[in-house]
């Protein structure tokens, strides 16, 4: 009779342990100022990754000073869909709160806005040798390559266009 409550209690304890382990941050060891090559030399299989060293709030640009490099325990690999290299995080902005010691999901970062909502922009339409330009006001923010809505200042019509690297908007025939 006592065997059933004990096994049930053990099962509950095992389940609680698994749930706690699933929510833990990366199995990692902190490095202090070591380069990736030094870390790779000291760790047989460990993978070097970057994680926040402080809370990063939504809309905040991710800077190198707010990240720390850690080495995963040998045999552990980072989950897919996580940004862990400096190239992936350079100049990006947090879309949601990033907690210290946790991986940074790719879905939680975005490119910095090239044009802000309400900004005055030049809108261009090009077809062959013909180029038409107009003044517009953005109705939403956007990064290079994003499709956004713009209001034509002269006509008041709302059009969609693509944000170009120089901050202008390119529209096409509809």
N, C-alpha and C. Protein backbone atom coordinates (compact mmCIF):
# COMPACT_ATOMS: atom_id res chain seq x y z
N UNK A 1 0.81 -1.20 0.00
CA UNK A 1 0.00 0.00 0.00
C UNK A 1 0.85 1.26 0.00
N UNK A 2 1.98 1.24 0.71
CA UNK A 2 2.86 2.41 0.78
C UNK A 2 3.65 2.59 -0.51
N UNK A 3 3.80 1.54 -1.30
CA UNK A 3 4.62 1.62 -2.51
C UNK A 3 4.01 2.57 -3.53
N UNK A 4 2.70 2.60 -3.63
CA UNK A 4 2.05 3.47 -4.61
C UNK A 4 2.25 4.95 -4.29
N UNK A 5 2.03 5.42 -3.05
CA UNK A 5 2.25 6.84 -2.77
C UNK A 5 3.71 7.25 -2.94
N UNK A 6 4.65 6.37 -2.61
CA UNK A 6 6.06 6.70 -2.77
C UNK A 6 6.41 6.84 -4.25
N UNK A 7 5.97 5.90 -5.09
CA UNK A 7 6.28 6.00 -6.52
C UNK A 7 5.58 7.21 -7.13
N UNK A 8 4.40 7.53 -6.66
CA UNK A 8 3.70 8.72 -7.14
C UNK A 8 4.47 9.98 -6.74
N UNK A 9 4.97 10.01 -5.52
CA UNK A 9 5.75 11.15 -5.06
C UNK A 9 7.05 11.27 -5.84
N UNK A 10 7.68 10.14 -6.13
CA UNK A 10 8.92 10.16 -6.93
C UNK A 10 8.64 10.67 -8.34
N UNK A 11 7.52 10.22 -8.92
CA UNK A 11 7.16 10.69 -10.26
C UNK A 11 6.94 12.20 -10.26
N UNK A 12 6.24 12.70 -9.24
CA UNK A 12 6.00 14.14 -9.15
C UNK A 12 7.31 14.90 -8.98
N UNK A 13 8.21 14.37 -8.16
CA UNK A 13 9.51 15.02 -7.95
C UNK A 13 10.33 15.02 -9.23
N UNK A 14 10.31 13.90 -9.97
CA UNK A 14 11.04 13.82 -11.24
C UNK A 14 10.46 14.80 -12.25
N UNK A 15 9.12 14.88 -12.31
CA UNK A 15 8.47 15.81 -13.23
C UNK A 15 8.82 17.25 -12.87
N UNK A 16 8.81 17.59 -11.60
CA UNK A 16 9.16 18.94 -11.16
C UNK A 16 10.60 19.27 -11.53
N UNK A 17 11.50 18.30 -11.36
CA UNK A 17 12.91 18.50 -11.71
C UNK A 17 13.06 18.76 -13.20
N UNK A 18 12.35 17.99 -14.03
CA UNK A 18 12.42 18.18 -15.48
C UNK A 18 11.87 19.54 -15.88
N UNK A 19 10.77 19.95 -15.28
CA UNK A 19 10.20 21.25 -15.61
C UNK A 19 11.12 22.40 -15.23
N UNK A 20 11.77 22.29 -14.08
CA UNK A 20 12.72 23.32 -13.66
C UNK A 20 13.91 23.34 -14.60
N UNK A 21 14.43 22.18 -14.97
CA UNK A 21 15.59 22.10 -15.86
C UNK A 21 15.26 22.66 -17.23
N UNK A 22 14.04 22.46 -17.72
CA UNK A 22 13.66 22.97 -19.04
C UNK A 22 13.64 24.49 -19.07
N UNK A 23 13.35 25.13 -17.95
CA UNK A 23 13.29 26.58 -17.91
C UNK A 23 14.60 27.24 -17.54
N UNK A 24 15.65 26.47 -17.36
CA UNK A 24 16.94 27.03 -16.93
C UNK A 24 17.64 27.72 -18.09
N UNK A 25 18.52 28.66 -17.80
CA UNK A 25 19.30 29.30 -18.85
C UNK A 25 20.30 28.32 -19.45
N UNK A 26 21.01 28.79 -20.45
CA UNK A 26 21.99 27.96 -21.15
C UNK A 26 22.97 27.33 -20.17
N UNK A 27 23.28 26.05 -20.37
CA UNK A 27 24.33 25.42 -19.58
C UNK A 27 25.63 26.03 -20.07
N UNK A 28 26.19 26.92 -19.31
CA UNK A 28 27.33 27.67 -19.80
C UNK A 28 28.30 27.97 -18.68
N UNK A 29 29.51 28.30 -19.11
CA UNK A 29 30.53 28.76 -18.20
C UNK A 29 30.93 30.15 -18.66
N UNK A 30 30.97 31.12 -17.74
CA UNK A 30 31.36 32.48 -18.11
C UNK A 30 32.83 32.52 -18.48
N UNK A 31 33.14 33.40 -19.42
CA UNK A 31 34.53 33.66 -19.76
C UNK A 31 34.79 35.12 -19.46
N UNK A 32 35.98 35.42 -19.06
CA UNK A 32 36.30 36.81 -18.72
C UNK A 32 37.35 37.34 -19.69
N UNK A 33 36.88 38.01 -20.71
CA UNK A 33 37.78 38.66 -21.65
C UNK A 33 38.56 37.71 -22.55
N UNK A 34 38.16 36.47 -22.65
CA UNK A 34 38.88 35.56 -23.52
C UNK A 34 38.31 35.65 -24.93
N UNK A 35 39.18 35.47 -25.91
CA UNK A 35 38.72 35.46 -27.29
C UNK A 35 38.11 34.10 -27.60
N UNK A 36 37.38 34.04 -28.70
CA UNK A 36 36.75 32.77 -29.09
C UNK A 36 37.81 31.70 -29.33
N UNK A 37 38.98 32.08 -29.86
CA UNK A 37 40.05 31.10 -30.09
C UNK A 37 40.59 30.55 -28.78
N UNK A 38 40.77 31.41 -27.77
CA UNK A 38 41.24 30.95 -26.46
C UNK A 38 40.22 30.01 -25.83
N UNK A 39 38.96 30.34 -25.99
CA UNK A 39 37.92 29.48 -25.43
C UNK A 39 37.92 28.13 -26.14
N UNK A 40 38.00 28.15 -27.47
CA UNK A 40 38.00 26.90 -28.22
C UNK A 40 39.20 26.04 -27.85
N UNK A 41 40.35 26.67 -27.57
CA UNK A 41 41.54 25.90 -27.21
C UNK A 41 41.38 25.27 -25.83
N UNK A 42 40.71 25.97 -24.91
CA UNK A 42 40.57 25.44 -23.56
C UNK A 42 39.41 24.44 -23.43
N UNK A 43 38.46 24.48 -24.34
CA UNK A 43 37.31 23.58 -24.29
C UNK A 43 37.40 22.59 -25.45
N UNK A 44 37.31 21.32 -25.13
CA UNK A 44 37.41 20.30 -26.16
C UNK A 44 36.25 20.41 -27.15
N UNK A 45 35.02 20.53 -26.68
CA UNK A 45 33.87 20.51 -27.56
C UNK A 45 32.96 21.71 -27.35
N UNK A 46 33.18 22.52 -26.29
CA UNK A 46 32.28 23.61 -25.94
C UNK A 46 32.12 24.62 -27.05
N UNK A 47 30.92 25.17 -27.19
CA UNK A 47 30.60 26.15 -28.21
C UNK A 47 30.48 27.52 -27.55
N UNK A 48 31.15 28.55 -28.10
CA UNK A 48 31.10 29.91 -27.54
C UNK A 48 29.87 30.62 -28.08
N UNK A 49 29.10 31.24 -27.19
CA UNK A 49 27.90 31.98 -27.57
C UNK A 49 27.83 33.30 -26.81
N UNK A 50 27.01 34.23 -27.30
CA UNK A 50 26.80 35.50 -26.62
C UNK A 50 25.40 35.52 -26.01
N UNK A 51 25.32 36.01 -24.77
CA UNK A 51 24.04 36.16 -24.07
C UNK A 51 24.04 37.51 -23.38
N UNK A 52 22.86 38.07 -23.06
CA UNK A 52 22.82 39.35 -22.35
C UNK A 52 23.43 39.24 -20.95
N UNK A 53 24.14 40.30 -20.53
CA UNK A 53 24.66 40.32 -19.16
C UNK A 53 23.81 41.22 -18.26
N UNK A 54 22.76 41.82 -18.83
CA UNK A 54 21.82 42.66 -18.09
C UNK A 54 20.49 42.62 -18.85
N UNK A 55 19.46 43.17 -18.25
CA UNK A 55 18.16 43.21 -18.91
C UNK A 55 18.24 44.19 -20.09
N UNK A 56 17.78 43.75 -21.25
CA UNK A 56 17.70 44.61 -22.44
C UNK A 56 16.22 44.79 -22.73
N UNK A 57 15.77 46.05 -22.74
CA UNK A 57 14.34 46.34 -22.87
C UNK A 57 13.92 46.50 -24.33
N UNK A 58 12.62 46.31 -24.64
CA UNK A 58 12.14 46.47 -26.01
C UNK A 58 12.46 47.86 -26.55
N UNK A 59 12.91 47.91 -27.80
CA UNK A 59 13.27 49.17 -28.44
C UNK A 59 14.70 49.60 -28.19
N UNK A 60 15.40 48.90 -27.32
CA UNK A 60 16.79 49.23 -26.99
C UNK A 60 17.74 48.56 -27.99
N UNK A 61 18.73 49.32 -28.47
CA UNK A 61 19.73 48.77 -29.37
C UNK A 61 20.66 47.85 -28.59
N UNK A 62 20.94 46.69 -29.17
CA UNK A 62 21.81 45.72 -28.51
C UNK A 62 23.25 46.14 -28.77
N UNK A 63 23.98 46.45 -27.71
CA UNK A 63 25.37 46.90 -27.81
C UNK A 63 26.29 45.82 -27.27
N UNK A 64 27.54 45.78 -27.77
CA UNK A 64 28.49 44.77 -27.28
C UNK A 64 28.68 44.80 -25.76
N UNK A 65 28.58 45.98 -25.14
CA UNK A 65 28.76 46.08 -23.69
C UNK A 65 27.65 45.39 -22.91
N UNK A 66 26.50 45.16 -23.55
CA UNK A 66 25.38 44.52 -22.85
C UNK A 66 25.35 43.01 -23.05
N UNK A 67 26.41 42.48 -23.68
CA UNK A 67 26.50 41.04 -23.93
C UNK A 67 27.73 40.46 -23.26
N UNK A 68 27.66 39.18 -22.95
CA UNK A 68 28.84 38.48 -22.45
C UNK A 68 28.98 37.18 -23.21
N UNK A 69 30.21 36.75 -23.33
CA UNK A 69 30.50 35.51 -24.04
C UNK A 69 30.58 34.38 -23.03
N UNK A 70 29.91 33.29 -23.33
CA UNK A 70 29.96 32.10 -22.48
C UNK A 70 30.28 30.90 -23.35
N UNK A 71 30.79 29.88 -22.72
CA UNK A 71 31.09 28.64 -23.43
C UNK A 71 30.16 27.57 -22.91
N UNK A 72 29.46 26.93 -23.83
CA UNK A 72 28.56 25.86 -23.44
C UNK A 72 29.36 24.69 -22.90
N UNK A 73 28.80 23.99 -21.96
CA UNK A 73 29.44 22.80 -21.41
C UNK A 73 29.61 21.81 -22.55
N UNK A 74 30.78 21.16 -22.66
CA UNK A 74 30.98 20.19 -23.74
C UNK A 74 29.83 19.20 -23.82
N UNK A 75 29.37 18.98 -25.04
CA UNK A 75 28.25 18.06 -25.26
C UNK A 75 26.92 18.78 -25.37
N UNK A 76 26.83 20.04 -24.94
CA UNK A 76 25.59 20.82 -25.03
C UNK A 76 25.67 21.70 -26.27
N UNK A 77 24.57 21.81 -26.99
CA UNK A 77 24.52 22.64 -28.19
C UNK A 77 23.41 23.66 -28.02
N UNK A 78 23.58 24.81 -28.65
CA UNK A 78 22.56 25.84 -28.55
C UNK A 78 21.32 25.40 -29.32
N UNK A 79 20.14 25.80 -28.84
CA UNK A 79 18.92 25.46 -29.57
C UNK A 79 18.86 26.22 -30.89
N UNK A 80 18.12 25.68 -31.85
CA UNK A 80 17.93 26.36 -33.13
C UNK A 80 17.11 27.62 -32.92
N UNK A 81 17.26 28.59 -33.82
CA UNK A 81 16.47 29.82 -33.75
C UNK A 81 16.97 30.82 -32.74
N UNK A 82 18.22 30.66 -32.29
CA UNK A 82 18.78 31.59 -31.31
C UNK A 82 19.95 32.34 -31.93
N UNK A 83 20.02 33.65 -31.70
CA UNK A 83 21.13 34.47 -32.17
C UNK A 83 22.23 34.42 -31.12
N UNK A 84 23.40 33.94 -31.50
CA UNK A 84 24.48 33.78 -30.52
C UNK A 84 25.81 34.35 -30.98
N UNK A 85 25.88 34.89 -32.20
CA UNK A 85 27.13 35.45 -32.71
C UNK A 85 27.00 36.96 -32.82
N UNK A 86 28.13 37.65 -32.72
CA UNK A 86 28.16 39.11 -32.78
C UNK A 86 27.57 39.63 -34.09
N UNK A 87 27.81 38.93 -35.19
CA UNK A 87 27.30 39.36 -36.50
C UNK A 87 25.77 39.36 -36.53
N UNK A 88 25.16 38.43 -35.83
CA UNK A 88 23.70 38.33 -35.80
C UNK A 88 23.07 39.43 -34.94
N UNK A 89 23.84 39.98 -34.01
CA UNK A 89 23.30 40.93 -33.04
C UNK A 89 23.74 42.37 -33.28
N UNK A 90 24.74 42.59 -34.13
CA UNK A 90 25.29 43.92 -34.37
C UNK A 90 24.23 44.88 -34.90
N UNK A 91 23.97 45.95 -34.17
CA UNK A 91 23.04 46.99 -34.60
C UNK A 91 21.58 46.61 -34.53
N UNK A 92 21.24 45.47 -33.97
CA UNK A 92 19.85 45.03 -33.87
C UNK A 92 19.17 45.69 -32.68
N UNK A 93 17.85 45.66 -32.67
CA UNK A 93 17.04 46.25 -31.62
C UNK A 93 16.17 45.15 -31.02
N UNK A 94 16.01 45.17 -29.71
CA UNK A 94 15.18 44.16 -29.04
C UNK A 94 13.71 44.45 -29.30
N UNK A 95 12.96 43.42 -29.68
CA UNK A 95 11.52 43.54 -29.86
C UNK A 95 10.78 43.25 -28.56
N UNK A 96 11.44 42.54 -27.66
CA UNK A 96 10.85 42.22 -26.35
C UNK A 96 11.97 42.22 -25.32
N UNK A 97 11.63 42.08 -24.06
CA UNK A 97 12.62 42.09 -22.99
C UNK A 97 13.52 40.87 -23.09
N UNK A 98 14.84 41.10 -23.08
CA UNK A 98 15.82 40.02 -23.10
C UNK A 98 16.44 39.93 -21.72
N UNK A 99 16.38 38.76 -21.13
CA UNK A 99 16.85 38.58 -19.76
C UNK A 99 18.30 38.12 -19.71
N UNK A 100 19.03 38.54 -18.69
CA UNK A 100 20.44 38.13 -18.57
C UNK A 100 20.56 36.62 -18.39
N UNK A 101 21.59 36.06 -19.03
CA UNK A 101 21.87 34.64 -18.90
C UNK A 101 21.02 33.75 -19.78
N UNK A 102 20.14 34.31 -20.60
CA UNK A 102 19.27 33.51 -21.47
C UNK A 102 19.70 33.70 -22.93
N UNK A 103 19.42 32.69 -23.73
CA UNK A 103 19.66 32.82 -25.17
C UNK A 103 18.79 33.95 -25.72
N UNK A 104 19.19 34.49 -26.88
CA UNK A 104 18.43 35.55 -27.53
C UNK A 104 17.74 34.95 -28.76
N UNK A 105 16.41 34.78 -28.74
CA UNK A 105 15.71 34.24 -29.90
C UNK A 105 15.80 35.20 -31.08
N UNK A 106 15.98 34.67 -32.28
CA UNK A 106 16.05 35.49 -33.49
C UNK A 106 14.75 36.28 -33.64
N UNK A 107 13.63 35.69 -33.25
CA UNK A 107 12.33 36.36 -33.35
C UNK A 107 12.20 37.53 -32.38
N UNK A 108 13.11 37.67 -31.42
CA UNK A 108 13.03 38.74 -30.43
C UNK A 108 13.88 39.95 -30.80
N UNK A 109 14.51 39.93 -31.98
CA UNK A 109 15.32 41.07 -32.41
C UNK A 109 14.88 41.50 -33.80
N UNK A 110 15.17 42.75 -34.13
CA UNK A 110 14.85 43.27 -35.46
C UNK A 110 15.94 44.26 -35.86
N UNK A 111 15.95 44.61 -37.14
CA UNK A 111 16.85 45.66 -37.61
C UNK A 111 16.37 46.99 -37.06
N UNK A 112 17.29 47.93 -36.90
CA UNK A 112 16.93 49.27 -36.45
C UNK A 112 16.09 49.95 -37.54
N UNK A 113 15.11 50.75 -37.12
CA UNK A 113 14.28 51.46 -38.10
C UNK A 113 15.13 52.45 -38.88
N UNK A 114 14.97 52.44 -40.18
CA UNK A 114 15.65 53.41 -41.05
C UNK A 114 14.78 54.66 -41.17
N UNK A 115 13.46 54.46 -41.20
CA UNK A 115 12.51 55.59 -41.21
C UNK A 115 11.53 55.38 -40.06
N UNK A 116 11.26 56.44 -39.34
CA UNK A 116 10.33 56.39 -38.21
C UNK A 116 8.92 56.74 -38.68
N UNK A 117 7.93 56.36 -37.91
CA UNK A 117 6.55 56.71 -38.21
C UNK A 117 6.40 58.23 -38.15
N UNK A 118 5.74 58.80 -39.16
CA UNK A 118 5.51 60.24 -39.20
C UNK A 118 6.64 61.03 -39.84
N UNK A 119 7.67 60.36 -40.33
CA UNK A 119 8.81 61.05 -40.94
C UNK A 119 8.46 61.48 -42.37
N UNK A 120 8.99 62.62 -42.78
CA UNK A 120 8.85 63.07 -44.17
C UNK A 120 9.88 62.34 -45.01
N UNK A 121 9.43 61.78 -46.12
CA UNK A 121 10.32 61.01 -47.00
C UNK A 121 10.05 61.36 -48.45
N UNK A 122 11.01 61.04 -49.29
CA UNK A 122 10.85 61.15 -50.73
C UNK A 122 10.39 59.80 -51.25
N UNK A 123 9.35 59.81 -52.07
CA UNK A 123 8.79 58.60 -52.65
C UNK A 123 9.12 58.62 -54.14
N UNK A 124 9.67 57.50 -54.66
CA UNK A 124 10.06 57.43 -56.06
C UNK A 124 9.35 56.28 -56.76
N UNK A 125 8.90 56.57 -58.00
CA UNK A 125 8.37 55.55 -58.90
C UNK A 125 9.25 55.59 -60.13
N UNK A 126 9.79 54.46 -60.55
CA UNK A 126 10.65 54.40 -61.72
C UNK A 126 10.12 53.33 -62.67
N UNK A 127 9.97 53.71 -63.94
CA UNK A 127 9.58 52.78 -65.00
C UNK A 127 10.41 53.13 -66.23
N UNK A 128 11.44 52.31 -66.50
CA UNK A 128 12.34 52.59 -67.61
C UNK A 128 13.11 53.88 -67.34
N UNK A 129 13.01 54.84 -68.28
CA UNK A 129 13.71 56.11 -68.13
C UNK A 129 12.89 57.13 -67.34
N UNK A 130 11.62 56.81 -67.07
CA UNK A 130 10.74 57.72 -66.36
C UNK A 130 10.90 57.57 -64.85
N UNK A 131 11.12 58.67 -64.15
CA UNK A 131 11.18 58.67 -62.69
C UNK A 131 10.27 59.77 -62.17
N UNK A 132 9.37 59.40 -61.28
CA UNK A 132 8.46 60.36 -60.66
C UNK A 132 8.75 60.37 -59.17
N UNK A 133 8.88 61.58 -58.61
CA UNK A 133 9.12 61.67 -57.17
C UNK A 133 8.02 62.51 -56.53
N UNK A 134 7.75 62.22 -55.28
CA UNK A 134 6.74 62.95 -54.53
C UNK A 134 7.14 62.96 -53.06
N UNK A 135 6.57 63.90 -52.33
CA UNK A 135 6.81 63.95 -50.88
C UNK A 135 5.76 63.08 -50.20
N UNK A 136 6.19 62.39 -49.15
CA UNK A 136 5.27 61.53 -48.42
C UNK A 136 5.57 61.55 -46.94
N UNK A 137 4.62 61.04 -46.16
CA UNK A 137 4.78 60.90 -44.72
C UNK A 137 4.54 59.43 -44.39
N UNK A 138 5.49 58.84 -43.67
CA UNK A 138 5.36 57.42 -43.34
C UNK A 138 4.26 57.22 -42.30
N UNK A 139 3.48 56.17 -42.48
CA UNK A 139 2.42 55.83 -41.54
C UNK A 139 2.85 54.74 -40.58
N UNK A 140 4.03 54.17 -40.83
CA UNK A 140 4.60 53.15 -39.95
C UNK A 140 6.11 53.17 -40.09
N UNK A 141 6.83 52.72 -39.09
CA UNK A 141 8.30 52.69 -39.18
C UNK A 141 8.74 51.52 -40.06
N UNK A 142 9.98 51.58 -40.55
CA UNK A 142 10.48 50.49 -41.37
C UNK A 142 11.98 50.48 -41.48
N UNK A 143 12.54 49.29 -41.65
CA UNK A 143 13.96 49.09 -41.89
C UNK A 143 14.16 48.91 -43.39
N UNK A 144 15.40 48.91 -43.84
CA UNK A 144 15.70 48.73 -45.26
C UNK A 144 15.08 47.42 -45.74
N UNK A 145 14.32 47.50 -46.85
CA UNK A 145 13.69 46.31 -47.42
C UNK A 145 12.28 46.06 -46.93
N UNK A 146 11.84 46.77 -45.89
CA UNK A 146 10.49 46.58 -45.36
C UNK A 146 9.46 47.24 -46.27
N UNK A 147 8.28 46.65 -46.36
CA UNK A 147 7.15 47.21 -47.08
C UNK A 147 6.35 48.03 -46.07
N UNK A 148 6.17 49.33 -46.33
CA UNK A 148 5.43 50.19 -45.39
C UNK A 148 4.40 51.02 -46.14
N UNK A 149 3.49 51.63 -45.39
CA UNK A 149 2.46 52.50 -45.96
C UNK A 149 2.91 53.96 -45.79
N UNK A 150 2.63 54.75 -46.83
CA UNK A 150 3.01 56.16 -46.87
C UNK A 150 1.80 56.96 -47.34
N UNK A 151 1.64 58.17 -46.82
CA UNK A 151 0.59 59.07 -47.31
C UNK A 151 1.24 60.10 -48.22
N UNK A 152 0.74 60.21 -49.45
CA UNK A 152 1.21 61.23 -50.38
C UNK A 152 0.75 62.58 -49.85
N UNK A 153 1.71 63.50 -49.65
CA UNK A 153 1.41 64.80 -49.07
C UNK A 153 0.48 65.61 -49.97
N UNK A 154 0.67 65.55 -51.29
CA UNK A 154 -0.13 66.35 -52.22
C UNK A 154 -1.55 65.83 -52.39
N UNK A 155 -1.72 64.52 -52.58
CA UNK A 155 -3.04 63.96 -52.86
C UNK A 155 -3.74 63.38 -51.64
N UNK A 156 -2.99 63.08 -50.59
CA UNK A 156 -3.59 62.46 -49.41
C UNK A 156 -3.81 60.97 -49.55
N UNK A 157 -3.48 60.41 -50.72
CA UNK A 157 -3.67 58.97 -50.95
C UNK A 157 -2.63 58.18 -50.16
N UNK A 158 -3.06 57.01 -49.71
CA UNK A 158 -2.16 56.11 -48.98
C UNK A 158 -1.65 55.07 -49.97
N UNK A 159 -0.32 54.95 -50.03
CA UNK A 159 0.33 54.00 -50.94
C UNK A 159 1.30 53.13 -50.15
N UNK A 160 1.69 52.02 -50.73
CA UNK A 160 2.68 51.14 -50.12
C UNK A 160 3.97 51.22 -50.91
N UNK A 161 5.08 51.12 -50.21
CA UNK A 161 6.37 51.16 -50.87
C UNK A 161 7.41 50.44 -50.05
N UNK A 162 8.57 50.27 -50.66
CA UNK A 162 9.69 49.57 -50.02
C UNK A 162 10.72 50.58 -49.55
N UNK A 163 11.16 50.44 -48.30
CA UNK A 163 12.18 51.32 -47.75
C UNK A 163 13.52 50.95 -48.38
N UNK A 164 14.20 51.94 -48.94
CA UNK A 164 15.51 51.72 -49.55
C UNK A 164 16.60 52.06 -48.53
N UNK A 165 17.83 51.64 -48.80
CA UNK A 165 18.94 51.82 -47.86
C UNK A 165 19.24 53.29 -47.58
N UNK A 166 18.91 54.19 -48.52
CA UNK A 166 19.18 55.62 -48.32
C UNK A 166 18.02 56.34 -47.62
N UNK A 167 16.98 55.62 -47.22
CA UNK A 167 15.86 56.22 -46.50
C UNK A 167 14.73 56.70 -47.39
N UNK A 168 14.87 56.55 -48.70
CA UNK A 168 13.78 56.89 -49.61
C UNK A 168 12.85 55.69 -49.73
N UNK A 169 11.69 55.92 -50.35
CA UNK A 169 10.70 54.86 -50.53
C UNK A 169 10.49 54.63 -52.02
N UNK A 170 10.55 53.38 -52.43
CA UNK A 170 10.35 53.02 -53.83
C UNK A 170 8.98 52.37 -53.96
N UNK A 171 8.17 52.89 -54.88
CA UNK A 171 6.85 52.31 -55.13
C UNK A 171 6.83 51.73 -56.53
N UNK A 172 5.97 50.77 -56.73
CA UNK A 172 5.83 50.15 -58.05
C UNK A 172 4.43 50.34 -58.57
N UNK A 173 4.21 49.95 -59.83
CA UNK A 173 2.89 50.06 -60.44
C UNK A 173 1.97 49.02 -59.82
N UNK A 174 0.71 49.42 -59.61
CA UNK A 174 -0.24 48.46 -59.03
C UNK A 174 -1.32 48.08 -60.00
